[in-house]
Amino acid sequence: MVKRKGMNKHQKAAFRPGEHRTRQGDIELLLTLAQSDDAEERCYAAQNLCPCHVRRRIDEVWQALYQMMEDPDVHVRRAAWHTLEDGGSPDDPAFLPILRRALLEENDPQVRRFVELFR
């Protein structure tokens, strides 16, 4: 296997043969689920919109993840932050205000740990 510098173990795992990839049709469904009124559906979307499975930059995916990072449901927030942690730190300037708000306002200890990783 080719050495992949600058990648965490989750990002490296995405390139293993047989590793799950989120296909374009699935992405469209997941983006719809990310807007659902049902927290379980939003959580499922957050788990499956991982950048290491999508494998390319799609602005709508990042916007959905950012929105779910500030979701009222703690399980959705946990899944979204965990997904970002698996997929690496984005270079998008839109992430910084979300990070600042989370540092000031987040009360859930598990989400706080994820937030601290990006500080």
PDB file of N, CA and C in Angstrom:
ATOM      1  N   MET A   1       0.844  -1.185   0.000  1.00  0.00           N
ATOM      2  CA  MET A   1       0.000   0.000   0.000  1.00  0.00           C
ATOM      3  C   MET A   1       0.883   1.240   0.000  1.00  0.00           C
ATOM      4  N   VAL A   2       0.510   2.215  -0.774  1.00  0.00           N
ATOM      5  CA  VAL A   2       1.253   3.463  -0.880  1.00  0.00           C
ATOM      6  C   VAL A   2       1.125   4.239   0.423  1.00  0.00           C
ATOM      7  N   LYS A   3       2.262   4.782   0.896  1.00  0.00           N
ATOM      8  CA  LYS A   3       2.219   5.592   2.114  1.00  0.00           C
ATOM      9  C   LYS A   3       1.472   6.885   1.822  1.00  0.00           C
ATOM     10  N   ARG A   4       0.517   7.194   2.676  1.00  0.00           N
ATOM     11  CA  ARG A   4      -0.306   8.385   2.496  1.00  0.00           C
ATOM     12  C   ARG A   4      -0.010   9.346   3.640  1.00  0.00           C
ATOM     13  N   LYS A   5       0.845  10.309   3.354  1.00  0.00           N
ATOM     14  CA  LYS A   5       1.241  11.273   4.372  1.00  0.00           C
ATOM     15  C   LYS A   5       0.110  12.242   4.657  1.00  0.00           C
ATOM     16  N   GLY A   6       0.030  12.672   5.901  1.00  0.00           N
ATOM     17  CA  GLY A   6      -0.939  13.684   6.279  1.00  0.00           C
ATOM     18  C   GLY A   6      -2.352  13.166   6.451  1.00  0.00           C
ATOM     19  N   MET A   7      -2.525  11.855   6.506  1.00  0.00           N
ATOM     20  CA  MET A   7      -3.859  11.290   6.677  1.00  0.00           C
ATOM     21  C   MET A   7      -3.944  10.577   8.016  1.00  0.00           C
ATOM     22  N   ASN A   8      -5.129  10.651   8.647  1.00  0.00           N
ATOM     23  CA  ASN A   8      -5.321   9.896   9.875  1.00  0.00           C
ATOM     24  C   ASN A   8      -5.712   8.469   9.520  1.00  0.00           C
ATOM     25  N   LYS A   9      -5.856   7.608  10.523  1.00  0.00           N
ATOM     26  CA  LYS A   9      -6.112   6.187  10.250  1.00  0.00           C
ATOM     27  C   LYS A   9      -7.443   5.964   9.539  1.00  0.00           C
ATOM     28  N   HIS A  10      -8.425   6.809   9.784  1.00  0.00           N
ATOM     29  CA  HIS A  10      -9.726   6.659   9.132  1.00  0.00           C
ATOM     30  C   HIS A  10      -9.634   7.035   7.653  1.00  0.00           C
ATOM     31  N   GLN A  11      -8.888   8.085   7.369  1.00  0.00           N
ATOM     32  CA  GLN A  11      -8.707   8.493   5.978  1.00  0.00           C
ATOM     33  C   GLN A  11      -7.919   7.438   5.210  1.00  0.00           C
ATOM     34  N   LYS A  12      -6.897   6.870   5.833  1.00  0.00           N
ATOM     35  CA  LYS A  12      -6.120   5.814   5.185  1.00  0.00           C
ATOM     36  C   LYS A  12      -6.980   4.587   4.930  1.00  0.00           C
ATOM     37  N   ALA A  13      -7.837   4.249   5.893  1.00  0.00           N
ATOM     38  CA  ALA A  13      -8.694   3.069   5.756  1.00  0.00           C
ATOM     39  C   ALA A  13      -9.648   3.199   4.576  1.00  0.00           C
ATOM     40  N   ALA A  14     -10.020   4.404   4.232  1.00  0.00           N
ATOM     41  CA  ALA A  14     -10.959   4.623   3.122  1.00  0.00           C
ATOM     42  C   ALA A  14     -10.397   4.149   1.794  1.00  0.00           C
ATOM     43  N   PHE A  15      -9.083   4.004   1.690  1.00  0.00           N
ATOM     44  CA  PHE A  15      -8.463   3.582   0.439  1.00  0.00           C
ATOM     45  C   PHE A  15      -8.197   2.082   0.386  1.00  0.00           C
ATOM     46  N   ARG A  16      -8.538   1.359   1.436  1.00  0.00           N
ATOM     47  CA  ARG A  16      -8.363  -0.092   1.419  1.00  0.00           C
ATOM     48  C   ARG A  16      -9.376  -0.726   0.471  1.00  0.00           C
ATOM     49  N   PRO A  17      -8.991  -1.805  -0.189  1.00  0.00           N
ATOM     50  CA  PRO A  17      -9.949  -2.493  -1.065  1.00  0.00           C
ATOM     51  C   PRO A  17     -11.177  -2.940  -0.274  1.00  0.00           C
ATOM     52  N   GLY A  18     -12.337  -2.741  -0.850  1.00  0.00           N
ATOM     53  CA  GLY A  18     -13.580  -3.163  -0.206  1.00  0.00           C
ATOM     54  C   GLY A  18     -14.151  -2.163   0.782  1.00  0.00           C
ATOM     55  N   GLU A  19     -13.455  -1.068   1.010  1.00  0.00           N
ATOM     56  CA  GLU A  19     -13.936  -0.052   1.960  1.00  0.00           C
ATOM     57  C   GLU A  19     -15.153   0.664   1.385  1.00  0.00           C
ATOM     58  N   HIS A  20     -16.094   0.968   2.256  1.00  0.00           N
ATOM     59  CA  HIS A  20     -17.345   1.627   1.861  1.00  0.00           C
ATOM     60  C   HIS A  20     -17.081   2.975   1.203  1.00  0.00           C
ATOM     61  N   ARG A  21     -17.757   3.207   0.083  1.00  0.00           N
ATOM     62  CA  ARG A  21     -17.745   4.518  -0.575  1.00  0.00           C
ATOM     63  C   ARG A  21     -19.176   4.993  -0.707  1.00  0.00           C
ATOM     64  N   THR A  22     -19.384   6.251  -0.448  1.00  0.00           N
ATOM     65  CA  THR A  22     -20.709   6.836  -0.616  1.00  0.00           C
ATOM     66  C   THR A  22     -20.830   7.305  -2.059  1.00  0.00           C
ATOM     67  N   ARG A  23     -21.772   6.735  -2.776  1.00  0.00           N
ATOM     68  CA  ARG A  23     -21.954   7.041  -4.200  1.00  0.00           C
ATOM     69  C   ARG A  23     -22.842   8.281  -4.380  1.00  0.00           C
ATOM     70  N   GLN A  24     -22.811   8.854  -5.578  1.00  0.00           N
ATOM     71  CA  GLN A  24     -23.528  10.100  -5.854  1.00  0.00           C
ATOM     72  C   GLN A  24     -25.015  10.003  -5.520  1.00  0.00           C
ATOM     73  N   GLY A  25     -25.675   8.921  -5.926  1.00  0.00           N
ATOM     74  CA  GLY A  25     -27.100   8.755  -5.616  1.00  0.00           C
ATOM     75  C   GLY A  25     -27.350   8.690  -4.126  1.00  0.00           C
ATOM     76  N   ASP A  26     -26.431   8.051  -3.400  1.00  0.00           N
ATOM     77  CA  ASP A  26     -26.549   7.977  -1.943  1.00  0.00           C
ATOM     78  C   ASP A  26     -26.344   9.351  -1.315  1.00  0.00           C
ATOM     79  N   ILE A  27     -25.447  10.130  -1.888  1.00  0.00           N
ATOM     80  CA  ILE A  27     -25.174  11.467  -1.351  1.00  0.00           C
ATOM     81  C   ILE A  27     -26.434  12.322  -1.410  1.00  0.00           C
ATOM     82  N   GLU A  28     -27.142  12.248  -2.516  1.00  0.00           N
ATOM     83  CA  GLU A  28     -28.370  13.033  -2.656  1.00  0.00           C
ATOM     84  C   GLU A  28     -29.401  12.622  -1.611  1.00  0.00           C
ATOM     85  N   LEU A  29     -29.543  11.325  -1.378  1.00  0.00           N
ATOM     86  CA  LEU A  29     -30.464  10.838  -0.345  1.00  0.00           C
ATOM     87  C   LEU A  29     -30.009  11.301   1.037  1.00  0.00           C
ATOM     88  N   LEU A  30     -28.722  11.191   1.319  1.00  0.00           N
ATOM     89  CA  LEU A  30     -28.199  11.590   2.629  1.00  0.00           C
ATOM     90  C   LEU A  30     -28.368  13.089   2.868  1.00  0.00           C
ATOM     91  N   LEU A  31     -28.220  13.883   1.830  1.00  0.00           N
ATOM     92  CA  LEU A  31     -28.442  15.324   1.980  1.00  0.00           C
ATOM     93  C   LEU A  31     -29.899  15.619   2.309  1.00  0.00           C
ATOM     94  N   THR A  32     -30.806  14.836   1.748  1.00  0.00           N
ATOM     95  CA  THR A  32     -32.227  14.978   2.086  1.00  0.00           C
ATOM     96  C   THR A  32     -32.461  14.572   3.535  1.00  0.00           C
ATOM     97  N   LEU A  33     -31.848  13.460   3.954  1.00  0.00           N
ATOM     98  CA  LEU A  33     -32.003  12.998   5.339  1.00  0.00           C
ATOM     99  C   LEU A  33     -31.401  13.993   6.329  1.00  0.00           C
ATOM    100  N   ALA A  34     -30.366  14.695   5.926  1.00  0.00           N
ATOM    101  CA  ALA A  34     -29.734  15.688   6.805  1.00  0.00           C
ATOM    102  C   ALA A  34     -30.692  16.819   7.150  1.00  0.00           C
ATOM    103  N   GLN A  35     -31.722  17.021   6.330  1.00  0.00           N
ATOM    104  CA  GLN A  35     -32.719  18.068   6.567  1.00  0.00           C
ATOM    105  C   GLN A  35     -33.989  17.529   7.218  1.00  0.00           C
ATOM    106  N   SER A  36     -34.011  16.251   7.541  1.00  0.00           N
ATOM    107  CA  SER A  36     -35.208  15.603   8.072  1.00  0.00           C
ATOM    108  C   SER A  36     -35.604  16.161   9.440  1.00  0.00           C
ATOM    109  N   ASP A  37     -36.891  16.027   9.763  1.00  0.00           N
ATOM    110  CA  ASP A  37     -37.363  16.378  11.103  1.00  0.00           C
ATOM    111  C   ASP A  37     -37.002  15.296  12.115  1.00  0.00           C
ATOM    112  N   ASP A  38     -36.665  14.104  11.627  1.00  0.00           N
ATOM    113  CA  ASP A  38     -36.344  12.956  12.478  1.00  0.00           C
ATOM    114  C   ASP A  38     -34.850  12.967  12.817  1.00  0.00           C
ATOM    115  N   ALA A  39     -34.529  13.043  14.103  1.00  0.00           N
ATOM    116  CA  ALA A  39     -33.134  13.103  14.542  1.00  0.00           C
ATOM    117  C   ALA A  39     -32.363  11.844  14.153  1.00  0.00           C
ATOM    118  N   GLU A  40     -33.013  10.683  14.148  1.00  0.00           N
ATOM    119  CA  GLU A  40     -32.327   9.445  13.763  1.00  0.00           C
ATOM    120  C   GLU A  40     -31.891   9.496  12.300  1.00  0.00           C
ATOM    121  N   GLU A  41     -32.717  10.064  11.453  1.00  0.00           N
ATOM    122  CA  GLU A  41     -32.352  10.195  10.038  1.00  0.00           C
ATOM    123  C   GLU A  41     -31.198  11.176   9.864  1.00  0.00           C
ATOM    124  N   ARG A  42     -31.221  12.272  10.613  1.00  0.00           N
ATOM    125  CA  ARG A  42     -30.116  13.237  10.539  1.00  0.00           C
ATOM    126  C   ARG A  42     -28.820  12.604  11.043  1.00  0.00           C
ATOM    127  N   CYS A  43     -28.932  11.803  12.085  1.00  0.00           N
ATOM    128  CA  CYS A  43     -27.764  11.118  12.641  1.00  0.00           C
ATOM    129  C   CYS A  43     -27.179  10.145  11.613  1.00  0.00           C
ATOM    130  N   TYR A  44     -28.050   9.396  10.950  1.00  0.00           N
ATOM    131  CA  TYR A  44     -27.617   8.465   9.902  1.00  0.00           C
ATOM    132  C   TYR A  44     -26.900   9.229   8.788  1.00  0.00           C
ATOM    133  N   ALA A  45     -27.457  10.361   8.406  1.00  0.00           N
ATOM    134  CA  ALA A  45     -26.831  11.183   7.362  1.00  0.00           C
ATOM    135  C   ALA A  45     -25.448  11.653   7.811  1.00  0.00           C
ATOM    136  N   ALA A  46     -25.335  12.112   9.043  1.00  0.00           N
ATOM    137  CA  ALA A  46     -24.048  12.594   9.555  1.00  0.00           C
ATOM    138  C   ALA A  46     -23.002  11.484   9.538  1.00  0.00           C
ATOM    139  N   GLN A  47     -23.400  10.290   9.899  1.00  0.00           N
ATOM    140  CA  GLN A  47     -22.462   9.166   9.929  1.00  0.00           C
ATOM    141  C   GLN A  47     -21.992   8.777   8.532  1.00  0.00           C
ATOM    142  N   ASN A  48     -22.848   8.950   7.539  1.00  0.00           N
ATOM    143  CA  ASN A  48     -22.534   8.468   6.196  1.00  0.00           C
ATOM    144  C   ASN A  48     -22.052   9.544   5.231  1.00  0.00           C
ATOM    145  N   LEU A  49     -22.034  10.784   5.665  1.00  0.00           N
ATOM    146  CA  LEU A  49     -21.484  11.857   4.832  1.00  0.00           C
ATOM    147  C   LEU A  49     -20.018  12.119   5.169  1.00  0.00           C
ATOM    148  N   CYS A  50     -19.383  11.140   5.739  1.00  0.00           N
ATOM    149  CA  CYS A  50     -17.977  11.255   6.119  1.00  0.00           C
ATOM    150  C   CYS A  50     -17.120  11.580   4.891  1.00  0.00           C
ATOM    151  N   PRO A  51     -16.263  12.592   4.973  1.00  0.00           N
ATOM    152  CA  PRO A  51     -15.413  12.937   3.836  1.00  0.00           C
ATOM    153  C   PRO A  51     -14.542  11.780   3.351  1.00  0.00           C
ATOM    154  N   CYS A  52     -14.177  10.865   4.241  1.00  0.00           N
ATOM    155  CA  CYS A  52     -13.341   9.750   3.794  1.00  0.00           C
ATOM    156  C   CYS A  52     -14.135   8.737   2.974  1.00  0.00           C
ATOM    157  N   HIS A  53     -15.466   8.756   3.071  1.00  0.00           N
ATOM    158  CA  HIS A  53     -16.292   7.877   2.239  1.00  0.00           C
ATOM    159  C   HIS A  53     -16.800   8.595   0.992  1.00  0.00           C
ATOM    160  N   VAL A  54     -17.036   9.890   1.097  1.00  0.00           N
ATOM    161  CA  VAL A  54     -17.476  10.669  -0.066  1.00  0.00           C
ATOM    162  C   VAL A  54     -16.295  10.840  -1.030  1.00  0.00           C
ATOM    163  N   ARG A  55     -15.099  11.048  -0.481  1.00  0.00           N
ATOM    164  CA  ARG A  55     -13.827  11.088  -1.198  1.00  0.00           C
ATOM    165  C   ARG A  55     -13.643  12.232  -2.183  1.00  0.00           C
ATOM    166  N   ARG A  56     -14.464  13.214  -2.115  1.00  0.00           N
ATOM    167  CA  ARG A  56     -14.243  14.414  -2.919  1.00  0.00           C
ATOM    168  C   ARG A  56     -14.950  15.580  -2.236  1.00  0.00           C
ATOM    169  N   ARG A  57     -14.541  16.753  -2.586  1.00  0.00           N
ATOM    170  CA  ARG A  57     -15.114  17.953  -1.966  1.00  0.00           C
ATOM    171  C   ARG A  57     -16.437  18.292  -2.651  1.00  0.00           C
ATOM    172  N   ILE A  58     -17.518  18.187  -1.886  1.00  0.00           N
ATOM    173  CA  ILE A  58     -18.839  18.581  -2.359  1.00  0.00           C
ATOM    174  C   ILE A  58     -19.358  19.591  -1.346  1.00  0.00           C
ATOM    175  N   ASP A  59     -19.525  20.824  -1.777  1.00  0.00           N
ATOM    176  CA  ASP A  59     -19.900  21.901  -0.860  1.00  0.00           C
ATOM    177  C   ASP A  59     -21.192  21.612  -0.107  1.00  0.00           C
ATOM    178  N   GLU A  60     -22.170  20.996  -0.767  1.00  0.00           N
ATOM    179  CA  GLU A  60     -23.445  20.698  -0.109  1.00  0.00           C
ATOM    180  C   GLU A  60     -23.254  19.717   1.042  1.00  0.00           C
ATOM    181  N   VAL A  61     -22.325  18.785   0.894  1.00  0.00           N
ATOM    182  CA  VAL A  61     -22.038  17.819   1.967  1.00  0.00           C
ATOM    183  C   VAL A  61     -21.448  18.549   3.162  1.00  0.00           C
ATOM    184  N   TRP A  62     -20.480  19.428   2.903  1.00  0.00           N
ATOM    185  CA  TRP A  62     -19.866  20.169   4.006  1.00  0.00           C
ATOM    186  C   TRP A  62     -20.884  21.071   4.697  1.00  0.00           C
ATOM    187  N   GLN A  63     -21.751  21.714   3.928  1.00  0.00           N
ATOM    188  CA  GLN A  63     -22.768  22.575   4.536  1.00  0.00           C
ATOM    189  C   GLN A  63     -23.715  21.764   5.415  1.00  0.00           C
ATOM    190  N   ALA A  64     -24.076  20.573   4.956  1.00  0.00           N
ATOM    191  CA  ALA A  64     -24.945  19.709   5.761  1.00  0.00           C
ATOM    192  C   ALA A  64     -24.241  19.288   7.047  1.00  0.00           C
ATOM    193  N   LEU A  65     -22.961  18.932   6.956  1.00  0.00           N
ATOM    194  CA  LEU A  65     -22.214  18.558   8.159  1.00  0.00           C
ATOM    195  C   LEU A  65     -22.107  19.736   9.123  1.00  0.00           C
ATOM    196  N   TYR A  66     -21.826  20.921   8.595  1.00  0.00           N
ATOM    197  CA  TYR A  66     -21.740  22.102   9.454  1.00  0.00           C
ATOM    198  C   TYR A  66     -23.066  22.362  10.159  1.00  0.00           C
ATOM    199  N   GLN A  67     -24.150  22.214   9.428  1.00  0.00           N
ATOM    200  CA  GLN A  67     -25.470  22.430  10.021  1.00  0.00           C
ATOM    201  C   GLN A  67     -25.733  21.404  11.127  1.00  0.00           C
ATOM    202  N   MET A  68     -25.359  20.151  10.885  1.00  0.00           N
ATOM    203  CA  MET A  68     -25.602  19.106  11.888  1.00  0.00           C
ATOM    204  C   MET A  68     -24.681  19.249  13.098  1.00  0.00           C
ATOM    205  N   MET A  69     -23.556  19.935  12.957  1.00  0.00           N
ATOM    206  CA  MET A  69     -22.680  20.189  14.101  1.00  0.00           C
ATOM    207  C   MET A  69     -23.339  21.106  15.121  1.00  0.00           C
ATOM    208  N   GLU A  70     -24.349  21.842  14.692  1.00  0.00           N
ATOM    209  CA  GLU A  70     -25.071  22.747  15.584  1.00  0.00           C
ATOM    210  C   GLU A  70     -26.521  22.302  15.758  1.00  0.00           C
ATOM    211  N   ASP A  71     -26.778  21.037  15.498  1.00  0.00           N
ATOM    212  CA  ASP A  71     -28.125  20.472  15.595  1.00  0.00           C
ATOM    213  C   ASP A  71     -28.614  20.519  17.042  1.00  0.00           C
ATOM    214  N   PRO A  72     -29.915  20.690  17.263  1.00  0.00           N
ATOM    215  CA  PRO A  72     -30.441  20.680  18.631  1.00  0.00           C
ATOM    216  C   PRO A  72     -30.318  19.314  19.318  1.00  0.00           C
ATOM    217  N   ASP A  73     -30.250  18.229  18.535  1.00  0.00           N
ATOM    218  CA  ASP A  73     -30.141  16.886  19.106  1.00  0.00           C
ATOM    219  C   ASP A  73     -28.668  16.530  19.324  1.00  0.00           C
ATOM    220  N   VAL A  74     -28.326  16.150  20.547  1.00  0.00           N
ATOM    221  CA  VAL A  74     -26.937  15.871  20.895  1.00  0.00           C
ATOM    222  C   VAL A  74     -26.376  14.690  20.108  1.00  0.00           C
ATOM    223  N   HIS A  75     -27.196  13.695  19.800  1.00  0.00           N
ATOM    224  CA  HIS A  75     -26.705  12.534  19.054  1.00  0.00           C
ATOM    225  C   HIS A  75     -26.299  12.922  17.631  1.00  0.00           C
ATOM    226  N   VAL A  76     -27.045  13.822  17.045  1.00  0.00           N
ATOM    227  CA  VAL A  76     -26.705  14.310  15.701  1.00  0.00           C
ATOM    228  C   VAL A  76     -25.406  15.108  15.763  1.00  0.00           C
ATOM    229  N   ARG A  77     -25.279  15.976  16.761  1.00  0.00           N
ATOM    230  CA  ARG A  77     -24.039  16.756  16.908  1.00  0.00           C
ATOM    231  C   ARG A  77     -22.847  15.832  17.101  1.00  0.00           C
ATOM    232  N   ARG A  78     -22.997  14.825  17.949  1.00  0.00           N
ATOM    233  CA  ARG A  78     -21.898  13.873  18.174  1.00  0.00           C
ATOM    234  C   ARG A  78     -21.497  13.194  16.871  1.00  0.00           C
ATOM    235  N   ALA A  79     -22.482  12.725  16.118  1.00  0.00           N
ATOM    236  CA  ALA A  79     -22.193  12.033  14.854  1.00  0.00           C
ATOM    237  C   ALA A  79     -21.507  12.969  13.859  1.00  0.00           C
ATOM    238  N   ALA A  80     -21.973  14.204  13.772  1.00  0.00           N
ATOM    239  CA  ALA A  80     -21.386  15.157  12.822  1.00  0.00           C
ATOM    240  C   ALA A  80     -19.943  15.491  13.200  1.00  0.00           C
ATOM    241  N   TRP A  81     -19.691  15.758  14.476  1.00  0.00           N
ATOM    242  CA  TRP A  81     -18.327  16.072  14.903  1.00  0.00           C
ATOM    243  C   TRP A  81     -17.425  14.858  14.750  1.00  0.00           C
ATOM    244  N   HIS A  82     -17.942  13.666  15.057  1.00  0.00           N
ATOM    245  CA  HIS A  82     -17.147  12.447  14.902  1.00  0.00           C
ATOM    246  C   HIS A  82     -16.801  12.228  13.431  1.00  0.00           C
ATOM    247  N   THR A  83     -17.761  12.472  12.557  1.00  0.00           N
ATOM    248  CA  THR A  83     -17.528  12.343  11.119  1.00  0.00           C
ATOM    249  C   THR A  83     -16.423  13.288  10.674  1.00  0.00           C
ATOM    250  N   LEU A  84     -16.455  14.503  11.152  1.00  0.00           N
ATOM    251  CA  LEU A  84     -15.424  15.467  10.789  1.00  0.00           C
ATOM    252  C   LEU A  84     -14.070  15.030  11.335  1.00  0.00           C
ATOM    253  N   GLU A  85     -14.059  14.490  12.541  1.00  0.00           N
ATOM    254  CA  GLU A  85     -12.809  14.019  13.133  1.00  0.00           C
ATOM    255  C   GLU A  85     -12.234  12.880  12.299  1.00  0.00           C
ATOM    256  N   ASP A  86     -13.090  11.974  11.825  1.00  0.00           N
ATOM    257  CA  ASP A  86     -12.633  10.878  10.968  1.00  0.00           C
ATOM    258  C   ASP A  86     -12.117  11.391   9.634  1.00  0.00           C
ATOM    259  N   GLY A  87     -12.793  12.400   9.099  1.00  0.00           N
ATOM    260  CA  GLY A  87     -12.467  12.891   7.766  1.00  0.00           C
ATOM    261  C   GLY A  87     -11.394  13.955   7.728  1.00  0.00           C
ATOM    262  N   GLY A  88     -10.928  14.405   8.866  1.00  0.00           N
ATOM    263  CA  GLY A  88      -9.885  15.418   8.911  1.00  0.00           C
ATOM    264  C   GLY A  88     -10.440  16.822   9.032  1.00  0.00           C
ATOM    265  N   SER A  89      -9.580  17.730   9.375  1.00  0.00           N
ATOM    266  CA  SER A  89      -9.975  19.121   9.582  1.00  0.00           C
ATOM    267  C   SER A  89     -10.171  19.831   8.247  1.00  0.00           C
ATOM    268  N   PRO A  90     -11.333  20.437   8.052  1.00  0.00           N
ATOM    269  CA  PRO A  90     -11.546  21.146   6.786  1.00  0.00           C
ATOM    270  C   PRO A  90     -10.804  22.481   6.778  1.00  0.00           C
ATOM    271  N   ASP A  91     -10.439  22.911   5.603  1.00  0.00           N
ATOM    272  CA  ASP A  91      -9.768  24.205   5.452  1.00  0.00           C
ATOM    273  C   ASP A  91     -10.765  25.318   5.167  1.00  0.00           C
ATOM    274  N   ASP A  92     -12.017  24.989   5.192  1.00  0.00           N
ATOM    275  CA  ASP A  92     -13.083  25.925   4.843  1.00  0.00           C
ATOM    276  C   ASP A  92     -13.223  27.005   5.917  1.00  0.00           C
ATOM    277  N   PRO A  93     -13.166  28.278   5.548  1.00  0.00           N
ATOM    278  CA  PRO A  93     -13.338  29.351   6.528  1.00  0.00           C
ATOM    279  C   PRO A  93     -14.710  29.329   7.203  1.00  0.00           C
ATOM    280  N   ALA A  94     -15.698  28.685   6.586  1.00  0.00           N
ATOM    281  CA  ALA A  94     -17.035  28.587   7.188  1.00  0.00           C
ATOM    282  C   ALA A  94     -17.021  27.739   8.455  1.00  0.00           C
ATOM    283  N   PHE A  95     -15.981  26.926   8.629  1.00  0.00           N
ATOM    284  CA  PHE A  95     -15.876  26.071   9.810  1.00  0.00           C
ATOM    285  C   PHE A  95     -15.492  26.863  11.063  1.00  0.00           C
ATOM    286  N   LEU A  96     -14.716  27.905  10.909  1.00  0.00           N
ATOM    287  CA  LEU A  96     -14.206  28.647  12.075  1.00  0.00           C
ATOM    288  C   LEU A  96     -15.297  29.236  12.963  1.00  0.00           C
ATOM    289  N   PRO A  97     -16.335  29.878  12.432  1.00  0.00           N
ATOM    290  CA  PRO A  97     -17.392  30.388  13.317  1.00  0.00           C
ATOM    291  C   PRO A  97     -18.124  29.271  14.064  1.00  0.00           C
ATOM    292  N   ILE A  98     -18.290  28.131  13.419  1.00  0.00           N
ATOM    293  CA  ILE A  98     -18.946  26.990  14.074  1.00  0.00           C
ATOM    294  C   ILE A  98     -18.076  26.502  15.220  1.00  0.00           C
ATOM    295  N   LEU A  99     -16.776  26.420  14.975  1.00  0.00           N
ATOM    296  CA  LEU A  99     -15.841  26.000  16.013  1.00  0.00           C
ATOM    297  C   LEU A  99     -15.870  26.973  17.192  1.00  0.00           C
ATOM    298  N   ARG A 100     -15.855  28.264  16.907  1.00  0.00           N
ATOM    299  CA  ARG A 100     -15.893  29.264  17.988  1.00  0.00           C
ATOM    300  C   ARG A 100     -17.172  29.147  18.815  1.00  0.00           C
ATOM    301  N   ARG A 101     -18.309  29.012  18.133  1.00  0.00           N
ATOM    302  CA  ARG A 101     -19.582  28.877  18.858  1.00  0.00           C
ATOM    303  C   ARG A 101     -19.592  27.610  19.702  1.00  0.00           C
ATOM    304  N   ALA A 102     -19.063  26.528  19.158  1.00  0.00           N
ATOM    305  CA  ALA A 102     -19.038  25.273  19.908  1.00  0.00           C
ATOM    306  C   ALA A 102     -18.135  25.397  21.137  1.00  0.00           C
ATOM    307  N   LEU A 103     -17.010  26.076  20.991  1.00  0.00           N
ATOM    308  CA  LEU A 103     -16.111  26.265  22.134  1.00  0.00           C
ATOM    309  C   LEU A 103     -16.787  27.058  23.249  1.00  0.00           C
ATOM    310  N   LEU A 104     -17.648  27.989  22.880  1.00  0.00           N
ATOM    311  CA  LEU A 104     -18.324  28.829  23.870  1.00  0.00           C
ATOM    312  C   LEU A 104     -19.600  28.205  24.425  1.00  0.00           C
ATOM    313  N   GLU A 105     -20.332  27.463  23.597  1.00  0.00           N
ATOM    314  CA  GLU A 105     -21.691  27.077  23.966  1.00  0.00           C
ATOM    315  C   GLU A 105     -21.925  25.586  24.182  1.00  0.00           C
ATOM    316  N   GLU A 106     -21.055  24.722  23.682  1.00  0.00           N
ATOM    317  CA  GLU A 106     -21.321  23.283  23.754  1.00  0.00           C
ATOM    318  C   GLU A 106     -21.194  22.777  25.186  1.00  0.00           C
ATOM    319  N   ASN A 107     -22.222  22.025  25.641  1.00  0.00           N
ATOM    320  CA  ASN A 107     -22.237  21.491  27.003  1.00  0.00           C
ATOM    321  C   ASN A 107     -21.979  19.993  27.064  1.00  0.00           C
ATOM    322  N   ASP A 108     -22.178  19.289  25.962  1.00  0.00           N
ATOM    323  CA  ASP A 108     -22.010  17.838  25.969  1.00  0.00           C
ATOM    324  C   ASP A 108     -20.519  17.486  26.015  1.00  0.00           C
ATOM    325  N   PRO A 109     -20.092  16.677  27.007  1.00  0.00           N
ATOM    326  CA  PRO A 109     -18.664  16.366  27.151  1.00  0.00           C
ATOM    327  C   PRO A 109     -18.060  15.656  25.935  1.00  0.00           C
ATOM    328  N   GLN A 110     -18.817  14.777  25.307  1.00  0.00           N
ATOM    329  CA  GLN A 110     -18.287  14.049  24.155  1.00  0.00           C
ATOM    330  C   GLN A 110     -18.074  14.987  22.964  1.00  0.00           C
ATOM    331  N   VAL A 111     -19.031  15.850  22.722  1.00  0.00           N
ATOM    332  CA  VAL A 111     -18.878  16.820  21.630  1.00  0.00           C
ATOM    333  C   VAL A 111     -17.732  17.774  21.958  1.00  0.00           C
ATOM    334  N   ARG A 112     -17.621  18.185  23.213  1.00  0.00           N
ATOM    335  CA  ARG A 112     -16.528  19.094  23.615  1.00  0.00           C
ATOM    336  C   ARG A 112     -15.165  18.485  23.294  1.00  0.00           C
ATOM    337  N   ARG A 113     -15.025  17.168  23.526  1.00  0.00           N
ATOM    338  CA  ARG A 113     -13.747  16.513  23.218  1.00  0.00           C
ATOM    339  C   ARG A 113     -13.431  16.609  21.724  1.00  0.00           C
ATOM    340  N   PHE A 114     -14.451  16.396  20.893  1.00  0.00           N
ATOM    341  CA  PHE A 114     -14.241  16.536  19.447  1.00  0.00           C
ATOM    342  C   PHE A 114     -13.867  17.973  19.093  1.00  0.00           C
ATOM    343  N   VAL A 115     -14.567  18.924  19.690  1.00  0.00           N
ATOM    344  CA  VAL A 115     -14.313  20.340  19.411  1.00  0.00           C
ATOM    345  C   VAL A 115     -12.873  20.697  19.775  1.00  0.00           C
ATOM    346  N   GLU A 116     -12.413  20.203  20.906  1.00  0.00           N
ATOM    347  CA  GLU A 116     -11.058  20.511  21.370  1.00  0.00           C
ATOM    348  C   GLU A 116      -9.993  19.994  20.400  1.00  0.00           C
ATOM    349  N   LEU A 117     -10.294  18.938  19.658  1.00  0.00           N
ATOM    350  CA  LEU A 117      -9.336  18.404  18.684  1.00  0.00           C
ATOM    351  C   LEU A 117      -9.029  19.404  17.573  1.00  0.00           C
ATOM    352  N   PHE A 118      -9.986  20.265  17.267  1.00  0.00           N
ATOM    353  CA  PHE A 118      -9.836  21.205  16.156  1.00  0.00           C
ATOM    354  C   PHE A 118      -9.412  22.591  16.604  1.00  0.00           C
ATOM    355  N   ARG A 119      -9.281  22.771  17.859  1.00  0.00           N
ATOM    356  CA  ARG A 119      -8.940  24.064  18.430  1.00  0.00           C
ATOM    357  C   ARG A 119      -7.628  24.588  17.949  1.00  0.00           C
TER     358      ARG A 119
END
